[in-house]
């Protein structure tokens, strides 16, 4: 059984079938959705190194925090869908730009 058929990925365990396009509390489907990709320079030096941390901001979140600084991507779902292959290509591009690491960020 695919874990997205009866979704229990997060602690809310909403059990929606994300493979059929249903949306649970996190507002996510079965597609990868990202809002931003960048070399982030403003972390501690041990995290960002001298070239920056290759950050990939994912859209949607299951928390709905009232004071979320990233509400446009966490609650409004701004961003664009990509394939797994495109995500891998983005990671390699960040590596080629000299990223100190790849930082997968959820809002």
N, C-alpha and C. Protein backbone atom coordinates (compact mmCIF):
# COMPACT_ATOMS: atom_id res chain seq x y z
N UNK A 1 0.84 -1.19 0.00
CA UNK A 1 0.00 0.00 0.00
C UNK A 1 0.88 1.24 0.00
N UNK A 2 0.57 2.17 -0.85
CA UNK A 2 1.27 3.44 -0.91
C UNK A 2 0.86 4.29 0.29
N UNK A 3 1.83 4.90 0.96
CA UNK A 3 1.51 5.68 2.17
C UNK A 3 0.65 6.90 1.88
N UNK A 4 0.54 7.30 0.62
CA UNK A 4 -0.29 8.45 0.27
C UNK A 4 -1.75 8.07 0.02
N UNK A 5 -2.05 6.76 -0.05
CA UNK A 5 -3.43 6.33 -0.26
C UNK A 5 -4.29 6.56 0.98
N UNK A 6 -3.70 6.47 2.13
CA UNK A 6 -4.38 6.71 3.40
C UNK A 6 -3.36 7.46 4.27
N UNK A 7 -3.21 8.74 3.98
CA UNK A 7 -2.07 9.51 4.48
C UNK A 7 -2.01 9.61 6.00
N UNK A 8 -0.86 9.17 6.51
CA UNK A 8 -0.55 9.30 7.93
C UNK A 8 0.90 9.79 8.09
N UNK A 9 1.34 10.61 7.14
CA UNK A 9 2.72 11.08 7.15
C UNK A 9 2.98 12.00 8.34
N UNK A 10 2.04 12.89 8.64
CA UNK A 10 2.22 13.80 9.77
C UNK A 10 1.39 13.32 10.96
N UNK A 11 1.58 13.91 12.12
CA UNK A 11 0.85 13.48 13.33
C UNK A 11 -0.67 13.66 13.25
N UNK A 12 -1.18 14.45 12.30
CA UNK A 12 -2.63 14.62 12.18
C UNK A 12 -3.32 13.36 11.65
N UNK A 13 -2.57 12.53 10.92
CA UNK A 13 -3.10 11.28 10.37
C UNK A 13 -4.49 11.45 9.75
N UNK A 14 -4.60 12.38 8.81
CA UNK A 14 -5.91 12.69 8.22
C UNK A 14 -6.47 11.57 7.34
N UNK A 15 -5.62 10.67 6.88
CA UNK A 15 -6.01 9.48 6.11
C UNK A 15 -6.66 9.78 4.76
N UNK A 16 -6.45 10.98 4.22
CA UNK A 16 -6.99 11.26 2.89
C UNK A 16 -6.18 10.51 1.84
N UNK A 17 -6.79 10.27 0.71
CA UNK A 17 -6.10 9.63 -0.40
C UNK A 17 -5.51 10.72 -1.28
N UNK A 18 -4.25 11.04 -1.03
CA UNK A 18 -3.58 12.10 -1.77
C UNK A 18 -3.31 11.70 -3.22
N UNK A 19 -3.32 10.41 -3.52
CA UNK A 19 -3.10 9.96 -4.89
C UNK A 19 -4.30 10.29 -5.79
N UNK A 20 -5.47 10.47 -5.20
CA UNK A 20 -6.68 10.85 -5.95
C UNK A 20 -6.87 12.36 -5.98
N UNK A 21 -5.87 13.12 -5.52
CA UNK A 21 -5.97 14.57 -5.53
C UNK A 21 -6.63 15.14 -4.29
N UNK A 22 -7.01 14.29 -3.34
CA UNK A 22 -7.60 14.80 -2.10
C UNK A 22 -6.55 15.55 -1.29
N UNK A 23 -7.00 16.54 -0.55
CA UNK A 23 -6.10 17.39 0.22
C UNK A 23 -6.46 17.29 1.69
N UNK A 24 -5.46 17.03 2.51
CA UNK A 24 -5.65 16.95 3.96
C UNK A 24 -5.30 18.25 4.65
N UNK A 25 -5.04 18.17 5.92
CA UNK A 25 -4.74 19.36 6.71
C UNK A 25 -3.51 20.11 6.20
N UNK A 26 -2.56 19.40 5.65
CA UNK A 26 -1.33 20.03 5.16
C UNK A 26 -1.52 20.76 3.83
N UNK A 27 -2.66 20.59 3.18
CA UNK A 27 -2.98 21.20 1.90
C UNK A 27 -2.13 20.66 0.74
N UNK A 28 -1.54 19.49 0.93
CA UNK A 28 -0.67 18.92 -0.11
C UNK A 28 -1.36 17.78 -0.85
N UNK A 29 -1.00 17.64 -2.10
CA UNK A 29 -1.44 16.49 -2.90
C UNK A 29 -0.28 15.50 -2.95
N UNK A 30 -0.23 14.70 -3.98
CA UNK A 30 0.89 13.77 -4.13
C UNK A 30 2.03 14.37 -4.94
N UNK A 31 1.93 15.64 -5.29
CA UNK A 31 2.96 16.31 -6.09
C UNK A 31 3.93 17.08 -5.19
N UNK A 32 5.17 17.22 -5.67
CA UNK A 32 6.17 18.05 -4.98
C UNK A 32 5.90 19.49 -5.38
N UNK A 33 5.81 20.37 -4.40
CA UNK A 33 5.57 21.78 -4.67
C UNK A 33 6.59 22.61 -3.91
N UNK A 34 7.34 23.43 -4.65
CA UNK A 34 8.33 24.28 -4.00
C UNK A 34 8.04 25.74 -4.28
N UNK A 35 8.49 26.59 -3.36
CA UNK A 35 8.23 28.02 -3.49
C UNK A 35 9.49 28.81 -3.84
N UNK A 36 10.65 28.33 -3.41
CA UNK A 36 11.87 29.11 -3.58
C UNK A 36 13.08 28.20 -3.55
N UNK A 37 14.05 28.53 -4.39
CA UNK A 37 15.35 27.87 -4.37
C UNK A 37 16.40 28.97 -4.36
N UNK A 38 17.35 28.90 -3.44
CA UNK A 38 18.39 29.93 -3.39
C UNK A 38 19.61 29.45 -2.64
N UNK A 39 20.71 30.17 -2.83
CA UNK A 39 21.89 30.00 -1.99
C UNK A 39 21.71 30.97 -0.84
N UNK A 40 21.45 30.45 0.32
CA UNK A 40 21.13 31.26 1.50
C UNK A 40 22.41 31.54 2.29
N UNK A 41 22.74 32.82 2.42
CA UNK A 41 23.99 33.24 3.06
C UNK A 41 23.84 33.58 4.54
N UNK A 42 22.63 33.60 5.06
CA UNK A 42 22.40 34.21 6.36
C UNK A 42 22.19 33.23 7.50
N UNK A 43 22.76 32.06 7.40
CA UNK A 43 22.76 31.11 8.51
C UNK A 43 24.10 31.22 9.23
N UNK A 44 24.22 30.49 10.33
CA UNK A 44 25.50 30.45 11.02
C UNK A 44 26.56 29.91 10.06
N UNK A 45 27.81 30.42 10.16
CA UNK A 45 28.85 29.99 9.22
C UNK A 45 29.04 28.47 9.14
N UNK A 46 28.84 27.78 10.24
CA UNK A 46 29.01 26.32 10.18
C UNK A 46 27.92 25.66 9.33
N UNK A 47 26.80 26.34 9.12
CA UNK A 47 25.72 25.80 8.30
C UNK A 47 25.85 26.26 6.85
N UNK A 48 26.10 27.56 6.65
CA UNK A 48 26.10 28.09 5.29
C UNK A 48 27.48 28.08 4.62
N UNK A 49 28.54 27.88 5.40
CA UNK A 49 29.87 27.89 4.80
C UNK A 49 30.15 29.23 4.15
N UNK A 50 31.09 29.28 3.23
CA UNK A 50 31.40 30.56 2.59
C UNK A 50 30.57 30.81 1.33
N UNK A 51 29.97 29.77 0.75
CA UNK A 51 29.18 29.94 -0.48
C UNK A 51 27.68 29.94 -0.24
N UNK A 52 27.25 29.61 0.95
CA UNK A 52 25.82 29.58 1.25
C UNK A 52 25.25 28.17 1.29
N UNK A 53 24.11 28.08 1.90
CA UNK A 53 23.38 26.82 2.00
C UNK A 53 22.39 26.75 0.85
N UNK A 54 22.39 25.68 0.11
CA UNK A 54 21.45 25.52 -1.00
C UNK A 54 20.07 25.21 -0.48
N UNK A 55 19.24 26.23 -0.31
CA UNK A 55 17.93 26.05 0.32
C UNK A 55 16.84 25.80 -0.72
N UNK A 56 15.98 24.85 -0.41
CA UNK A 56 14.81 24.55 -1.22
C UNK A 56 13.61 24.65 -0.27
N UNK A 57 12.78 25.68 -0.47
CA UNK A 57 11.60 25.90 0.36
C UNK A 57 10.40 25.17 -0.25
N UNK A 58 9.85 24.24 0.50
CA UNK A 58 8.67 23.51 0.06
C UNK A 58 7.41 24.28 0.43
N UNK A 59 6.36 24.15 -0.36
CA UNK A 59 5.08 24.79 -0.08
C UNK A 59 4.23 23.90 0.81
N UNK A 60 3.29 24.52 1.51
CA UNK A 60 2.28 23.87 2.36
C UNK A 60 2.86 23.39 3.69
N UNK A 61 1.99 23.36 4.68
CA UNK A 61 2.41 22.99 6.03
C UNK A 61 1.18 22.50 6.79
N UNK A 62 1.38 21.62 7.75
CA UNK A 62 0.26 21.09 8.52
C UNK A 62 0.06 21.80 9.86
N UNK A 63 0.82 22.84 10.14
CA UNK A 63 0.74 23.47 11.46
C UNK A 63 -0.22 24.66 11.54
N UNK A 64 -0.33 25.48 10.51
CA UNK A 64 -1.22 26.66 10.50
C UNK A 64 -0.93 27.61 11.65
N UNK A 65 0.33 27.89 11.90
CA UNK A 65 0.71 28.80 12.99
C UNK A 65 0.19 30.21 12.71
N UNK A 66 -0.40 30.82 13.71
CA UNK A 66 -1.01 32.14 13.57
C UNK A 66 0.00 33.20 13.13
N UNK A 67 1.22 33.12 13.62
CA UNK A 67 2.22 34.14 13.33
C UNK A 67 3.31 33.64 12.38
N UNK A 68 2.98 32.75 11.49
CA UNK A 68 3.96 32.18 10.56
C UNK A 68 4.55 33.27 9.67
N UNK A 69 5.87 33.34 9.61
CA UNK A 69 6.53 34.33 8.77
C UNK A 69 6.49 33.95 7.29
N UNK A 70 6.17 32.71 6.99
CA UNK A 70 6.12 32.23 5.61
C UNK A 70 4.70 31.83 5.20
N UNK A 71 3.68 32.53 5.70
CA UNK A 71 2.30 32.11 5.47
C UNK A 71 1.94 32.03 3.99
N UNK A 72 2.59 32.84 3.15
CA UNK A 72 2.25 32.79 1.72
C UNK A 72 2.53 31.41 1.13
N UNK A 73 3.57 30.76 1.61
CA UNK A 73 3.87 29.43 1.09
C UNK A 73 3.33 28.33 1.99
N UNK A 74 3.21 28.58 3.29
CA UNK A 74 2.75 27.53 4.20
C UNK A 74 1.24 27.37 4.20
N UNK A 75 0.50 28.48 4.13
CA UNK A 75 -0.95 28.41 4.23
C UNK A 75 -1.66 28.74 2.93
N UNK A 76 -1.07 29.63 2.11
CA UNK A 76 -1.69 29.97 0.83
C UNK A 76 -1.19 29.07 -0.30
N UNK A 77 -0.15 28.30 -0.03
CA UNK A 77 0.33 27.32 -1.01
C UNK A 77 1.02 27.88 -2.23
N UNK A 78 1.56 29.09 -2.14
CA UNK A 78 2.25 29.65 -3.31
C UNK A 78 3.46 28.79 -3.65
N UNK A 79 3.71 28.64 -4.92
CA UNK A 79 4.82 27.84 -5.39
C UNK A 79 4.46 27.16 -6.69
N UNK A 80 5.28 26.21 -7.09
CA UNK A 80 5.04 25.51 -8.35
C UNK A 80 5.40 24.04 -8.20
N UNK A 81 4.66 23.20 -8.92
CA UNK A 81 4.88 21.76 -8.87
C UNK A 81 6.07 21.37 -9.73
N UNK A 82 6.83 20.41 -9.22
CA UNK A 82 7.97 19.88 -9.97
C UNK A 82 7.98 18.36 -9.84
N UNK A 83 8.71 17.73 -10.73
CA UNK A 83 8.86 16.26 -10.67
C UNK A 83 10.05 15.91 -9.78
N UNK A 84 10.16 14.64 -9.46
CA UNK A 84 11.31 14.17 -8.67
C UNK A 84 12.60 14.42 -9.45
N UNK A 85 12.56 14.22 -10.75
CA UNK A 85 13.75 14.46 -11.58
C UNK A 85 14.15 15.93 -11.55
N UNK A 86 13.15 16.83 -11.59
CA UNK A 86 13.46 18.26 -11.52
C UNK A 86 14.04 18.64 -10.16
N UNK A 87 13.54 18.02 -9.09
CA UNK A 87 14.08 18.28 -7.75
C UNK A 87 15.54 17.84 -7.68
N UNK A 88 15.85 16.69 -8.23
CA UNK A 88 17.24 16.22 -8.26
C UNK A 88 18.12 17.18 -9.05
N UNK A 89 17.61 17.67 -10.18
CA UNK A 89 18.36 18.62 -11.01
C UNK A 89 18.63 19.91 -10.23
N UNK A 90 17.64 20.40 -9.49
CA UNK A 90 17.81 21.60 -8.68
C UNK A 90 18.90 21.39 -7.63
N UNK A 91 18.89 20.23 -7.00
CA UNK A 91 19.92 19.93 -5.98
C UNK A 91 21.31 19.92 -6.61
N UNK A 92 21.44 19.31 -7.77
CA UNK A 92 22.74 19.28 -8.45
C UNK A 92 23.17 20.67 -8.88
N UNK A 93 22.22 21.51 -9.32
CA UNK A 93 22.55 22.89 -9.68
C UNK A 93 23.06 23.67 -8.47
N UNK A 94 22.43 23.46 -7.32
CA UNK A 94 22.89 24.13 -6.09
C UNK A 94 24.30 23.65 -5.73
N UNK A 95 24.54 22.37 -5.88
CA UNK A 95 25.87 21.81 -5.62
C UNK A 95 26.89 22.43 -6.57
N UNK A 96 26.55 22.55 -7.86
CA UNK A 96 27.46 23.13 -8.84
C UNK A 96 27.74 24.61 -8.58
N UNK A 97 26.82 25.29 -7.91
CA UNK A 97 27.03 26.70 -7.54
C UNK A 97 27.89 26.83 -6.29
N UNK A 98 28.28 25.70 -5.70
CA UNK A 98 29.15 25.72 -4.54
C UNK A 98 28.43 25.68 -3.21
N UNK A 99 27.18 25.25 -3.19
CA UNK A 99 26.43 25.18 -1.93
C UNK A 99 27.18 24.34 -0.91
N UNK A 100 27.23 24.84 0.32
CA UNK A 100 27.90 24.13 1.41
C UNK A 100 27.12 22.86 1.77
N UNK A 101 25.81 22.90 1.57
CA UNK A 101 24.92 21.76 1.84
C UNK A 101 23.62 21.99 1.09
N UNK A 102 22.73 21.04 1.15
CA UNK A 102 21.38 21.19 0.61
C UNK A 102 20.44 21.19 1.81
N UNK A 103 19.69 22.27 1.94
CA UNK A 103 18.82 22.49 3.09
C UNK A 103 17.37 22.41 2.62
N UNK A 104 16.66 21.34 2.98
CA UNK A 104 15.26 21.15 2.61
C UNK A 104 14.41 21.82 3.68
N UNK A 105 13.72 22.90 3.31
CA UNK A 105 13.02 23.74 4.27
C UNK A 105 11.51 23.60 4.10
N UNK A 106 10.84 23.27 5.19
CA UNK A 106 9.38 23.34 5.20
C UNK A 106 9.00 24.62 5.91
N UNK A 107 7.90 25.24 5.47
CA UNK A 107 7.54 26.53 6.09
C UNK A 107 7.36 26.37 7.56
